[in-house]
C-alpha atoms as a PDB file:
ATOM      1  CA  GLY A   1     -30.558  99.384 282.496  1.00  0.00           C
ATOM      2  CA  LEU A   2     -29.902  96.208 280.505  1.00  0.00           C
ATOM      3  CA  HIS A   3     -26.530  97.436 279.260  1.00  0.00           C
ATOM      4  CA  LEU A   4     -25.468  98.228 282.846  1.00  0.00           C
ATOM      5  CA  THR A   5     -26.786  94.848 284.065  1.00  0.00           C
ATOM      6  CA  LYS A   6     -24.855  92.965 281.404  1.00  0.00           C
ATOM      7  CA  SER A   7     -21.677  94.874 282.280  1.00  0.00           C
ATOM      8  CA  ILE A   8     -22.022  94.100 286.003  1.00  0.00           C
ATOM      9  CA  VAL A   9     -22.716  90.417 285.309  1.00  0.00           C
ATOM     10  CA  GLY A  10     -19.623  90.343 283.101  1.00  0.00           C
ATOM     11  CA  LEU A  11     -17.501  91.800 285.895  1.00  0.00           C
ATOM     12  CA  HIS A  12     -18.598  88.829 288.043  1.00  0.00           C
ATOM     13  CA  GLN A  13     -17.696  86.483 285.158  1.00  0.00           C
ATOM     14  CA  GLY A  14     -21.309  85.477 284.830  1.00  0.00           C
ATOM     15  CA  ARG A  15     -23.850  85.240 281.995  1.00  0.00           C
ATOM     16  CA  ILE A  16     -27.272  86.727 281.318  1.00  0.00           C
ATOM     17  CA  ARG A  17     -29.870  85.565 278.808  1.00  0.00           C
ATOM     18  CA  VAL A  18     -33.460  86.419 277.980  1.00  0.00           C
ATOM     19  CA  ARG A  19     -36.421  84.130 277.284  1.00  0.00           C
ATOM     20  CA  ASP A  20     -39.844  85.138 276.001  1.00  0.00           C
ATOM     21  CA  ASN A  21     -42.800  84.355 278.236  1.00  0.00           C
ATOM     22  CA  PRO A  22     -44.599  81.448 276.487  1.00  0.00           C
ATOM     23  CA  ASP A  23     -47.871  82.185 278.304  1.00  0.00           C
ATOM     24  CA  GLY A  24     -48.273  85.830 277.290  1.00  0.00           C
ATOM     25  CA  PRO A  25     -46.468  89.171 277.030  1.00  0.00           C
ATOM     26  CA  GLY A  26     -43.234  89.853 278.861  1.00  0.00           C
ATOM     27  CA  ALA A  27     -39.921  88.086 279.206  1.00  0.00           C
ATOM     28  CA  ARG A  28     -37.684  86.405 281.750  1.00  0.00           C
ATOM     29  CA  PHE A  29     -34.053  87.358 282.312  1.00  0.00           C
ATOM     30  CA  VAL A  30     -31.824  84.632 283.709  1.00  0.00           C
ATOM     31  CA  LEU A  31     -28.534  85.362 285.479  1.00  0.00           C
ATOM     32  CA  CYS A  32     -25.857  82.692 285.951  1.00  0.00           C
ATOM     33  CA  LEU A  33     -23.092  83.592 288.428  1.00  0.00           C
ATOM     34  CA  PRO A  34     -20.206  81.355 289.578  1.00  0.00           C
ATOM     35  CA  LEU A  35     -20.206  80.418 293.270  1.00  0.00           C
ATOM     36  CA  GLY A  36     -17.597  81.658 295.716  1.00  0.00           C
ATOM     37  CA  ASN A  37     -14.971  84.291 294.966  1.00  0.00           C
ATOM     38  CA  GLN A  38     -12.004  82.224 293.801  1.00  0.00           C
ATOM     39  CA  HIS A  39     -12.534  83.494 290.247  1.00  0.00           C
ATOM     40  CA  LEU A  40     -12.179  87.146 291.375  1.00  0.00           C
ATOM     41  CA  SER A  41      -8.911  89.038 291.683  1.00  0.00           C
ATOM     42  CA  PRO A  42      -8.035  90.214 295.245  1.00  0.00           C
ATOM     43  CA  GLU A  43      -8.959  93.845 294.593  1.00  0.00           C
ATOM     44  CA  LYS A  44     -12.428  92.789 293.389  1.00  0.00           C
ATOM     45  CA  SER A  45     -13.150  90.450 296.288  1.00  0.00           C
ATOM     46  CA  PRO A  46     -15.903  91.343 298.791  1.00  0.00           C
ATOM     47  CA  GLY A  47     -14.810  93.485 301.715  1.00  0.00           C
ATOM     48  CA  ASN A  48     -12.245  95.508 299.795  1.00  0.00           C
ATOM     49  CA  ALA A  49     -14.559  98.353 298.781  1.00  0.00           C
ATOM     50  CA  PRO A  50     -13.722 101.709 300.426  1.00  0.00           C
ATOM     51  CA  HIS A  51     -16.064 103.201 302.988  1.00  0.00           C
ATOM     52  CA  LEU A  52     -18.213 106.198 302.140  1.00  0.00           C
ATOM     53  CA  LEU A  53     -16.419 109.488 302.572  1.00  0.00           C
ATOM     54  CA  SER A  54     -18.360 112.662 303.269  1.00  0.00           C
ATOM     55  CA  GLU A  55     -17.432 116.200 304.216  1.00  0.00           C
ATOM     56  CA  GLU A  56     -17.552 115.234 307.882  1.00  0.00           C
ATOM     57  CA  THR A  57     -15.544 111.982 307.651  1.00  0.00           C
ATOM     58  CA  ILE A  58     -12.517 113.209 305.701  1.00  0.00           C
ATOM     59  CA  PRO A  59      -9.716 113.867 308.231  1.00  0.00           C
ATOM     60  CA  MET A  60      -8.836 117.523 308.607  1.00  0.00           C
ATOM     61  CA  ASN A  61      -5.115 116.843 308.166  1.00  0.00           C
ATOM     62  CA  GLN A  62      -5.889 115.492 304.682  1.00  0.00           C
ATOM     63  CA  LYS A  63      -7.940 118.551 303.749  1.00  0.00           C
ATOM     64  CA  THR A  64      -4.957 120.820 304.113  1.00  0.00           C
ATOM     65  CA  LYS A  65      -3.008 118.780 301.547  1.00  0.00           C
ATOM     66  CA  LYS A  66      -5.702 118.703 298.872  1.00  0.00           C
ATOM     67  CA  THR A  67      -6.513 121.829 296.946  1.00  0.00           C
ATOM     68  CA  SER A  68      -9.451 120.849 294.715  1.00  0.00           C
ATOM     69  CA  ARG A  69     -12.907 120.243 296.171  1.00  0.00           C
ATOM     70  CA  ILE A  70     -15.129 117.667 294.455  1.00  0.00           C
ATOM     71  CA  LEU A  71     -18.875 117.396 295.053  1.00  0.00           C
ATOM     72  CA  LEU A  72     -19.981 113.813 294.319  1.00  0.00           C
ATOM     73  CA  VAL A  73     -23.712 113.081 293.945  1.00  0.00           C
ATOM     74  CA  ASP A  74     -25.290 109.630 293.586  1.00  0.00           C
ATOM     75  CA  ASP A  75     -28.210 107.826 295.243  1.00  0.00           C
ATOM     76  CA  ASP A  76     -26.432 104.448 294.993  1.00  0.00           C
ATOM     77  CA  PRO A  77     -24.538 104.185 298.321  1.00  0.00           C
ATOM     78  CA  GLU A  78     -22.122 101.495 297.105  1.00  0.00           C
ATOM     79  CA  LEU A  79     -21.145 103.345 293.935  1.00  0.00           C
ATOM     80  CA  LEU A  80     -20.955 106.593 295.911  1.00  0.00           C
ATOM     81  CA  ALA A  81     -18.623 104.934 298.431  1.00  0.00           C
ATOM     82  CA  TYR A  82     -16.408 103.440 295.734  1.00  0.00           C
ATOM     83  CA  THR A  83     -16.098 106.646 293.695  1.00  0.00           C
ATOM     84  CA  ALA A  84     -15.543 108.802 296.790  1.00  0.00           C
ATOM     85  CA  GLY A  85     -12.832 106.443 298.003  1.00  0.00           C
ATOM     86  CA  GLU A  86     -11.045 106.538 294.651  1.00  0.00           C
ATOM     87  CA  LEU A  87     -11.150 110.329 294.378  1.00  0.00           C
ATOM     88  CA  SER A  88     -10.361 111.148 298.004  1.00  0.00           C
ATOM     89  CA  SER A  89      -6.679 110.328 297.605  1.00  0.00           C
ATOM     90  CA  SER A  90      -6.124 113.530 295.618  1.00  0.00           C
ATOM     91  CA  HIS A  91      -9.220 115.667 296.261  1.00  0.00           C
ATOM     92  CA  GLN A  92     -11.426 116.902 299.067  1.00  0.00           C
ATOM     93  CA  VAL A  93     -14.607 114.903 298.461  1.00  0.00           C
ATOM     94  CA  THR A  94     -18.116 115.718 299.656  1.00  0.00           C
ATOM     95  CA  ALA A  95     -20.567 112.878 298.964  1.00  0.00           C
ATOM     96  CA  LEU A  96     -24.320 113.531 298.814  1.00  0.00           C
ATOM     97  CA  ALA A  97     -27.285 111.342 297.862  1.00  0.00           C
ATOM     98  CA  ASN A  98     -29.520 113.650 295.794  1.00  0.00           C
ATOM     99  CA  GLY A  99     -29.493 116.701 293.593  1.00  0.00           C
ATOM    100  CA  ARG A 100     -31.408 119.004 295.927  1.00  0.00           C
ATOM    101  CA  GLU A 101     -28.846 118.636 298.707  1.00  0.00           C
ATOM    102  CA  ALA A 102     -26.087 119.029 296.122  1.00  0.00           C
ATOM    103  CA  LEU A 103     -27.524 122.295 294.787  1.00  0.00           C
ATOM    104  CA  THR A 104     -27.682 123.790 298.279  1.00  0.00           C
ATOM    105  CA  HIS A 105     -24.117 122.677 298.978  1.00  0.00           C
ATOM    106  CA  ALA A 106     -22.857 124.076 295.662  1.00  0.00           C
ATOM    107  CA  LEU A 107     -24.482 127.464 296.293  1.00  0.00           C
ATOM    108  CA  ASN A 108     -23.036 127.675 299.801  1.00  0.00           C
ATOM    109  CA  HIS A 109     -19.565 126.201 299.274  1.00  0.00           C
ATOM    110  CA  GLN A 110     -18.796 126.520 295.528  1.00  0.00           C
ATOM    111  CA  PRO A 111     -16.814 123.308 294.896  1.00  0.00           C
ATOM    112  CA  ASP A 112     -14.249 123.160 292.113  1.00  0.00           C
ATOM    113  CA  LEU A 113     -16.123 120.427 290.236  1.00  0.00           C
ATOM    114  CA  ILE A 114     -19.349 118.403 290.461  1.00  0.00           C
ATOM    115  CA  VAL A 115     -19.721 114.732 289.500  1.00  0.00           C
ATOM    116  CA  SER A 116     -23.371 113.710 289.460  1.00  0.00           C
ATOM    117  CA  ASP A 117     -25.516 110.708 288.624  1.00  0.00           C
ATOM    118  CA  VAL A 118     -28.450 111.483 286.336  1.00  0.00           C
ATOM    119  CA  VAL A 119     -31.322 109.413 287.770  1.00  0.00           C
ATOM    120  CA  MET A 120     -31.873 110.410 291.428  1.00  0.00           C
ATOM    121  CA  PRO A 121     -34.819 111.182 293.724  1.00  0.00           C
ATOM    122  CA  GLU A 122     -35.919 114.732 294.631  1.00  0.00           C
ATOM    123  CA  MET A 123     -33.755 116.332 291.914  1.00  0.00           C
ATOM    124  CA  ASP A 124     -32.094 114.480 289.030  1.00  0.00           C
ATOM    125  CA  GLY A 125     -28.657 115.224 287.650  1.00  0.00           C
ATOM    126  CA  VAL A 126     -29.890 116.969 284.496  1.00  0.00           C
ATOM    127  CA  THR A 127     -31.988 119.383 286.558  1.00  0.00           C
ATOM    128  CA  LEU A 128     -29.082 119.929 288.948  1.00  0.00           C
ATOM    129  CA  CYS A 129     -26.774 120.741 286.039  1.00  0.00           C
ATOM    130  CA  LYS A 130     -29.368 123.088 284.539  1.00  0.00           C
ATOM    131  CA  MET A 131     -29.776 124.949 287.852  1.00  0.00           C
ATOM    132  CA  ILE A 132     -26.000 125.240 288.256  1.00  0.00           C
ATOM    133  CA  LYS A 133     -25.401 126.550 284.747  1.00  0.00           C
ATOM    134  CA  ARG A 134     -28.236 129.092 284.950  1.00  0.00           C
ATOM    135  CA  ASN A 135     -26.929 130.631 288.170  1.00  0.00           C
ATOM    136  CA  VAL A 136     -24.231 133.229 287.525  1.00  0.00           C
ATOM    137  CA  ASN A 137     -22.865 132.665 291.017  1.00  0.00           C
ATOM    138  CA  VAL A 138     -21.878 129.035 290.307  1.00  0.00           C
ATOM    139  CA  ASN A 139     -22.162 128.508 286.537  1.00  0.00           C
ATOM    140  CA  HIS A 140     -18.364 128.443 286.243  1.00  0.00           C
ATOM    141  CA  ILE A 141     -18.237 125.088 288.093  1.00  0.00           C
ATOM    142  CA  PRO A 142     -17.579 122.155 285.698  1.00  0.00           C
ATOM    143  CA  VAL A 143     -20.214 119.390 285.844  1.00  0.00           C
ATOM    144  CA  ILE A 144     -19.663 115.751 284.865  1.00  0.00           C
ATOM    145  CA  LEU A 145     -22.814 113.653 284.441  1.00  0.00           C
ATOM    146  CA  LEU A 146     -22.730 109.873 285.013  1.00  0.00           C
ATOM    147  CA  THR A 147     -25.563 107.687 283.766  1.00  0.00           C
ATOM    148  CA  ALA A 148     -26.541 104.160 282.801  1.00  0.00           C
ATOM    149  CA  MET A 149     -28.461 105.596 279.822  1.00  0.00           C
ATOM    150  CA  SER A 150     -26.100 105.264 276.888  1.00  0.00           C
ATOM    151  CA  GLY A 151     -28.289 106.531 274.023  1.00  0.00           C
ATOM    152  CA  GLU A 152     -27.198 109.450 271.864  1.00  0.00           C
ATOM    153  CA  GLU A 153     -30.377 111.335 272.783  1.00  0.00           C
ATOM    154  CA  ASP A 154     -29.538 111.000 276.489  1.00  0.00           C
ATOM    155  CA  LYS A 155     -26.037 112.371 275.886  1.00  0.00           C
ATOM    156  CA  LEU A 156     -27.421 115.294 273.890  1.00  0.00           C
ATOM    157  CA  THR A 157     -29.832 116.076 276.747  1.00  0.00           C
ATOM    158  CA  GLY A 158     -26.971 116.192 279.257  1.00  0.00           C
ATOM    159  CA  LEU A 159     -24.705 118.267 277.032  1.00  0.00           C
ATOM    160  CA  GLY A 160     -27.650 120.472 276.078  1.00  0.00           C
ATOM    161  CA  VAL A 161     -28.046 121.729 279.652  1.00  0.00           C
ATOM    162  CA  GLY A 162     -24.365 122.671 279.852  1.00  0.00           C
ATOM    163  CA  ALA A 163     -22.674 119.541 281.198  1.00  0.00           C
ATOM    164  CA  ASP A 164     -18.911 119.718 280.636  1.00  0.00           C
ATOM    165  CA  ALA A 165     -18.595 115.933 280.248  1.00  0.00           C
ATOM    166  CA  TYR A 166     -20.928 112.944 279.986  1.00  0.00           C
ATOM    167  CA  MET A 167     -19.825 109.432 280.958  1.00  0.00           C
ATOM    168  CA  THR A 168     -21.752 106.165 280.703  1.00  0.00           C
ATOM    169  CA  LYS A 169     -21.877 103.639 283.545  1.00  0.00           C
ATOM    170  CA  PRO A 170     -20.039 101.440 284.167  1.00  0.00           C
ATOM    171  CA  PHE A 171     -17.213 103.947 283.761  1.00  0.00           C
ATOM    172  CA  ASP A 172     -13.458 103.551 283.966  1.00  0.00           C
ATOM    173  CA  ILE A 173     -12.371 105.265 287.190  1.00  0.00           C
ATOM    174  CA  GLU A 174      -9.022 106.287 285.646  1.00  0.00           C
ATOM    175  CA  ILE A 175     -10.813 108.024 282.780  1.00  0.00           C
ATOM    176  CA  LEU A 176     -13.033 109.819 285.302  1.00  0.00           C
ATOM    177  CA  LYS A 177      -9.951 110.927 287.268  1.00  0.00           C
ATOM    178  CA  LYS A 178      -8.249 112.237 284.142  1.00  0.00           C
ATOM    179  CA  THR A 179     -11.420 114.041 283.026  1.00  0.00           C
ATOM    180  CA  ILE A 180     -11.675 115.714 286.437  1.00  0.00           C
ATOM    181  CA  GLU A 181      -8.015 116.703 286.312  1.00  0.00           C
ATOM    182  CA  ASN A 182      -8.345 118.196 282.821  1.00  0.00           C
ATOM    183  CA  LEU A 183     -11.500 120.174 283.605  1.00  0.00           C
ATOM    184  CA  ILE A 184     -10.046 121.637 286.805  1.00  0.00           C
ATOM    185  CA  GLN A 185      -6.766 122.499 285.070  1.00  0.00           C
ATOM    186  CA  ASN A 186      -8.590 124.173 282.182  1.00  0.00           C
ATOM    187  CA  ARG A 187     -10.635 126.184 284.669  1.00  0.00           C
ATOM    188  CA  ILE A 188      -7.458 127.346 286.436  1.00  0.00           C
ATOM    189  CA  LEU A 189      -5.888 128.399 283.133  1.00  0.00           C
ATOM    190  CA  LEU A 190      -9.026 130.306 282.158  1.00  0.00           C
ATOM    191  CA  ARG A 191      -9.155 132.013 285.547  1.00  0.00           C
ATOM    192  CA  ASN A 192      -5.498 132.990 285.290  1.00  0.00           C
ATOM    193  CA  ASN A 193      -5.998 134.400 281.805  1.00  0.00           C
ATOM    194  CA  TYR A 194      -8.822 136.636 282.962  1.00  0.00           C
ATOM    195  CA  ALA A 195      -6.911 137.621 286.090  1.00  0.00           C
ATOM    196  CA  GLY A 196      -3.974 138.727 283.958  1.00  0.00           C
ATOM    197  CA  TYR A 197      -1.499 136.243 285.427  1.00  0.00           C
ATOM    198  CA  GLN A 198      -0.099 135.106 282.076  1.00  0.00           C
ATOM    199  CA  GLN A 199       3.278 136.760 281.542  1.00  0.00           C
ATOM    200  CA  ASP A 200       5.981 136.424 278.930  1.00  0.00           C
ATOM    201  CA  GLU A 201       9.521 135.151 279.506  1.00  0.00           C
ATOM    202  CA  HIS A 202      10.727 138.618 280.581  1.00  0.00           C
ATOM    203  CA  GLY A 203       8.101 138.972 283.264  1.00  0.00           C
ATOM    204  CA  ILE A 204       6.188 141.657 281.355  1.00  0.00           C
ATOM    205  CA  ARG A 205       2.460 141.153 281.089  1.00  0.00           C
ATOM    206  CA  LYS A 206       1.265 140.806 277.513  1.00  0.00           C
ATOM    207  CA  VAL A 207      -1.078 143.454 276.212  1.00  0.00           C
ATOM    208  CA  GLU A 208      -4.049 142.011 274.339  1.00  0.00           C
ATOM    209  CA  LEU A 209      -7.005 143.732 272.721  1.00  0.00           C
ATOM    210  CA  GLN A 210     -10.343 142.888 274.285  1.00  0.00           C
ATOM    211  CA  PRO A 211     -12.914 141.205 272.018  1.00  0.00           C
ATOM    212  CA  PRO A 212     -16.158 143.168 271.462  1.00  0.00           C
ATOM    213  CA  ASP A 213     -18.249 140.821 273.609  1.00  0.00           C
ATOM    214  CA  GLU A 214     -15.925 141.257 276.586  1.00  0.00           C
ATOM    215  CA  ILE A 215     -15.981 145.037 276.164  1.00  0.00           C
ATOM    216  CA  LEU A 216     -19.789 144.916 276.105  1.00  0.00           C
ATOM    217  CA  LEU A 217     -19.968 142.846 279.294  1.00  0.00           C
ATOM    218  CA  HIS A 218     -17.583 145.177 281.132  1.00  0.00           C
ATOM    219  CA  ARG A 219     -19.669 148.158 280.018  1.00  0.00           C
ATOM    220  CA  VAL A 220     -22.898 146.464 281.159  1.00  0.00           C
ATOM    221  CA  MET A 221     -21.427 145.648 284.566  1.00  0.00           C
ATOM    222  CA  ASP A 222     -20.097 149.193 284.999  1.00  0.00           C
ATOM    223  CA  VAL A 223     -23.488 150.740 284.242  1.00  0.00           C
ATOM    224  CA  ILE A 224     -25.317 148.356 286.573  1.00  0.00           C
ATOM    225  CA  GLY A 225     -22.742 149.053 289.290  1.00  0.00           C
ATOM    226  CA  GLN A 226     -23.313 152.800 288.968  1.00  0.00           C
ATOM    227  CA  ASN A 227     -27.052 152.256 289.428  1.00  0.00           C
ATOM    228  CA  ILE A 228     -26.958 149.397 291.936  1.00  0.00           C
ATOM    229  CA  ASP A 229     -29.006 151.272 294.561  1.00  0.00           C
ATOM    230  CA  ASN A 230     -31.565 152.657 292.106  1.00  0.00           C
ATOM    231  CA  PRO A 231     -34.789 150.609 292.262  1.00  0.00           C
ATOM    232  CA  GLY A 232     -36.005 152.350 289.108  1.00  0.00           C
ATOM    233  CA  PHE A 233     -33.084 151.116 287.046  1.00  0.00           C
ATOM    234  CA  THR A 234     -34.627 148.870 284.372  1.00  0.00           C
ATOM    235  CA  VAL A 235     -33.559 146.934 281.309  1.00  0.00           C
ATOM    236  CA  GLU A 236     -34.761 149.829 279.163  1.00  0.00           C
ATOM    237  CA  LYS A 237     -32.493 152.277 280.990  1.00  0.00           C
ATOM    238  CA  LEU A 238     -29.574 149.864 280.783  1.00  0.00           C
ATOM    239  CA  SER A 239     -30.006 149.515 277.016  1.00  0.00           C
ATOM    240  CA  GLN A 240     -30.175 153.308 276.669  1.00  0.00           C
ATOM    241  CA  GLU A 241     -26.951 153.744 278.644  1.00  0.00           C
ATOM    242  CA  ILE A 242     -25.188 151.042 276.628  1.00  0.00           C
ATOM    243  CA  GLY A 243     -26.475 152.471 273.360  1.00  0.00           C
ATOM    244  CA  ILE A 244     -28.089 149.338 271.893  1.00  0.00           C
ATOM    245  CA  SER A 245     -31.687 148.204 271.622  1.00  0.00           C
ATOM    246  CA  ARG A 246     -33.322 146.203 274.401  1.00  0.00           C
ATOM    247  CA  VAL A 247     -33.839 143.258 272.050  1.00  0.00           C
ATOM    248  CA  HIS A 248     -30.174 143.207 271.021  1.00  0.00           C
ATOM    249  CA  LEU A 249     -29.030 143.568 274.638  1.00  0.00           C
ATOM    250  CA  HIS A 250     -31.259 140.686 275.711  1.00  0.00           C
ATOM    251  CA  ARG A 251     -29.989 138.500 272.868  1.00  0.00           C
ATOM    252  CA  LYS A 252     -26.322 139.232 273.606  1.00  0.00           C
ATOM    253  CA  LEU A 253     -26.636 138.632 277.351  1.00  0.00           C
ATOM    254  CA  LYS A 254     -28.534 135.416 276.729  1.00  0.00           C
ATOM    255  CA  GLU A 255     -25.804 134.289 274.364  1.00  0.00           C
ATOM    256  CA  LEU A 256     -22.895 135.270 276.629  1.00  0.00           C
ATOM    257  CA  THR A 257     -24.271 134.514 280.108  1.00  0.00           C
ATOM    258  CA  ASN A 258     -27.327 132.279 279.519  1.00  0.00           C
ATOM    259  CA  GLN A 259     -29.381 134.896 281.400  1.00  0.00           C
ATOM    260  CA  SER A 260     -31.966 137.433 280.367  1.00  0.00           C
ATOM    261  CA  ALA A 261     -31.126 141.113 280.851  1.00  0.00           C
ATOM    262  CA  SER A 262     -33.498 141.409 283.839  1.00  0.00           C
ATOM    263  CA  ASP A 263     -32.049 138.278 285.457  1.00  0.00           C
ATOM    264  CA  TYR A 264     -28.531 139.602 284.915  1.00  0.00           C
ATOM    265  CA  ILE A 265     -29.334 142.891 286.680  1.00  0.00           C
ATOM    266  CA  ARG A 266     -31.028 141.073 289.563  1.00  0.00           C
ATOM    267  CA  ASN A 267     -28.165 138.594 289.986  1.00  0.00           C
ATOM    268  CA  ILE A 268     -25.556 141.365 290.122  1.00  0.00           C
ATOM    269  CA  ARG A 269     -27.663 143.068 292.792  1.00  0.00           C
ATOM    270  CA  LEU A 270     -27.790 139.800 294.763  1.00  0.00           C
ATOM    271  CA  HIS A 271     -24.040 139.295 294.378  1.00  0.00           C
ATOM    272  CA  GLN A 272     -23.413 142.777 295.739  1.00  0.00           C
ATOM    273  CA  ALA A 273     -25.853 142.072 298.588  1.00  0.00           C
ATOM    274  CA  ALA A 274     -23.912 138.934 299.526  1.00  0.00           C
ATOM    275  CA  THR A 275     -20.684 140.943 299.606  1.00  0.00           C
ATOM    276  CA  LEU A 276     -22.265 143.533 301.917  1.00  0.00           C
ATOM    277  CA  LEU A 277     -23.662 140.857 304.246  1.00  0.00           C
ATOM    278  CA  CYS A 278     -20.289 139.152 304.357  1.00  0.00           C
ATOM    279  CA  ARG A 279     -18.105 142.214 304.921  1.00  0.00           C
ATOM    280  CA  ASP A 280     -20.268 144.740 306.748  1.00  0.00           C
ATOM    281  CA  LYS A 281     -21.701 143.006 309.809  1.00  0.00           C
ATOM    282  CA  SER A 282     -23.287 146.268 310.999  1.00  0.00           C
ATOM    283  CA  MET A 283     -25.850 146.284 308.155  1.00  0.00           C
ATOM    284  CA  ASN A 284     -29.124 144.439 308.638  1.00  0.00           C
ATOM    285  CA  VAL A 285     -31.074 142.668 305.900  1.00  0.00           C
ATOM    286  CA  SER A 286     -33.374 145.638 305.244  1.00  0.00           C
ATOM    287  CA  GLU A 287     -30.467 148.045 304.814  1.00  0.00           C
ATOM    288  CA  VAL A 288     -28.736 145.661 302.435  1.00  0.00           C
ATOM    289  CA  ALA A 289     -31.911 145.148 300.398  1.00  0.00           C
ATOM    290  CA  TYR A 290     -32.398 148.898 299.883  1.00  0.00           C
ATOM    291  CA  ALA A 291     -28.685 149.421 299.217  1.00  0.00           C
ATOM    292  CA  VAL A 292     -28.825 147.112 296.195  1.00  0.00           C
ATOM    293  CA  GLY A 293     -32.044 148.498 294.735  1.00  0.00           C
ATOM    294  CA  PHE A 294     -34.787 146.266 296.168  1.00  0.00           C
ATOM    295  CA  THR A 295     -37.934 148.037 297.391  1.00  0.00           C
ATOM    296  CA  SER A 296     -39.375 144.988 299.163  1.00  0.00           C
ATOM    297  CA  VAL A 297     -37.444 143.143 301.860  1.00  0.00           C
ATOM    298  CA  GLY A 298     -39.644 140.078 301.360  1.00  0.00           C
ATOM    299  CA  HIS A 299     -38.945 139.970 297.636  1.00  0.00           C
ATOM    300  CA  PHE A 300     -35.236 140.452 298.304  1.00  0.00           C
ATOM    301  CA  SER A 301     -35.155 137.617 300.848  1.00  0.00           C
ATOM    302  CA  ASN A 302     -36.950 135.216 298.492  1.00  0.00           C
ATOM    303  CA  ALA A 303     -34.675 136.082 295.568  1.00  0.00           C
ATOM    304  CA  PHE A 304     -31.559 135.798 297.744  1.00  0.00           C
ATOM    305  CA  LYS A 305     -32.561 132.384 299.108  1.00  0.00           C
ATOM    306  CA  LYS A 306     -33.281 131.090 295.607  1.00  0.00           C
ATOM    307  CA  PHE A 307     -29.927 132.371 294.366  1.00  0.00           C
ATOM    308  CA  TYR A 308     -27.679 131.381 297.297  1.00  0.00           C
ATOM    309  CA  GLY A 309     -29.668 128.532 298.832  1.00  0.00           C
ATOM    310  CA  THR A 310     -29.978 130.248 302.221  1.00  0.00           C
ATOM    311  CA  PRO A 311     -31.873 133.293 303.576  1.00  0.00           C
ATOM    312  CA  PRO A 312     -29.880 136.528 303.846  1.00  0.00           C
ATOM    313  CA  SER A 313     -30.403 136.549 307.623  1.00  0.00           C
ATOM    314  CA  SER A 314     -28.376 133.334 307.972  1.00  0.00           C
ATOM    315  CA  TYR A 315     -25.911 133.815 305.121  1.00  0.00           C
ATOM    316  CA  LYS A 316     -22.467 132.705 306.330  1.00  0.00           C
ATOM    317  CA  PRO A 317     -20.239 131.801 303.363  1.00  0.00           C
ATOM    318  CA  ALA A 318     -16.848 130.157 303.704  1.00  0.00           C
ATOM    319  CA  ILE A 319     -15.418 133.072 301.709  1.00  0.00           C
ATOM    320  CA  CYS A 320     -16.851 136.394 300.591  1.00  0.00           C
ATOM    321  CA  PRO A 321     -18.274 136.312 297.026  1.00  0.00           C
ATOM    322  CA  ASP A 322     -15.644 138.630 295.556  1.00  0.00           C
ATOM    323  CA  GLU A 323     -12.603 137.030 297.199  1.00  0.00           C
ATOM    324  CA  ASP A 324     -10.083 135.080 295.111  1.00  0.00           C
ATOM    325  CA  VAL A 325     -10.701 131.338 295.351  1.00  0.00           C
ATOM    326  CA  THR A 326      -7.751 130.173 293.271  1.00  0.00           C
ATOM    327  CA  SER A 327      -5.650 129.159 296.248  1.00  0.00           C
END
């Protein structure tokens, strides 16, 4: 926190110094700040900070003009208000105060990008990032972590849980904007590549050979899809159908998806369940559970709530899980 404190004092054109306690352990930190605000430029003067913007306070007529949705998470209301105000000119911004609320929002609404503080109550940013990246339903969402901890070990921790970028406070808002822009643009390009939208100058789609890992994943998904309603379909049977050992299958899926083979099967079942709940209103929760291979409705409901952040009985997504969200 000392680095952040010194930076803030410097922004106010002040000074900070430290003195040892002559009577025992400890120290005293002394701040010297100039009086008034004549030394500050107009944009830095009090009263010019933007108000906090949340999902409810952004005008609807602005939402229609902004395509990318940013989830902003920070327990500091002033910094949250400032960052939200800066980003809201070109993005739909949802501002939340802790990681637990952010995780629920991300599971239900799937924003295009998440910007999160690290140190927060209830759920910190590192845990939030870890939960996002381990969930196949939302692990494609880029995550930027913001923190006052500037050590190399802290950065490695953030990047180690899958963060796409790591910025130290106080940060340059223009650099944050450009980082957001780049990550969203890269995600769009990646999505277009996999959707087959890249075409040559004659309008003919290029034919490319699939890499072995992609072929393996398509084969795994096909086999699981063929056995989606079979409660007896296990990792062992999947490995037999694919033609590789269980150990090798587990290692490859862990490497490619950051999930174990059993988690991958379960998550595909849950994804299919969400599609059924969204598109077939005539099916009840029990019917959906059995249709995707669960033998216990209670176990299905618990797994679904953990995966999507809401019970299957009240699941009402903005879009169905398998609909295109590029527009």
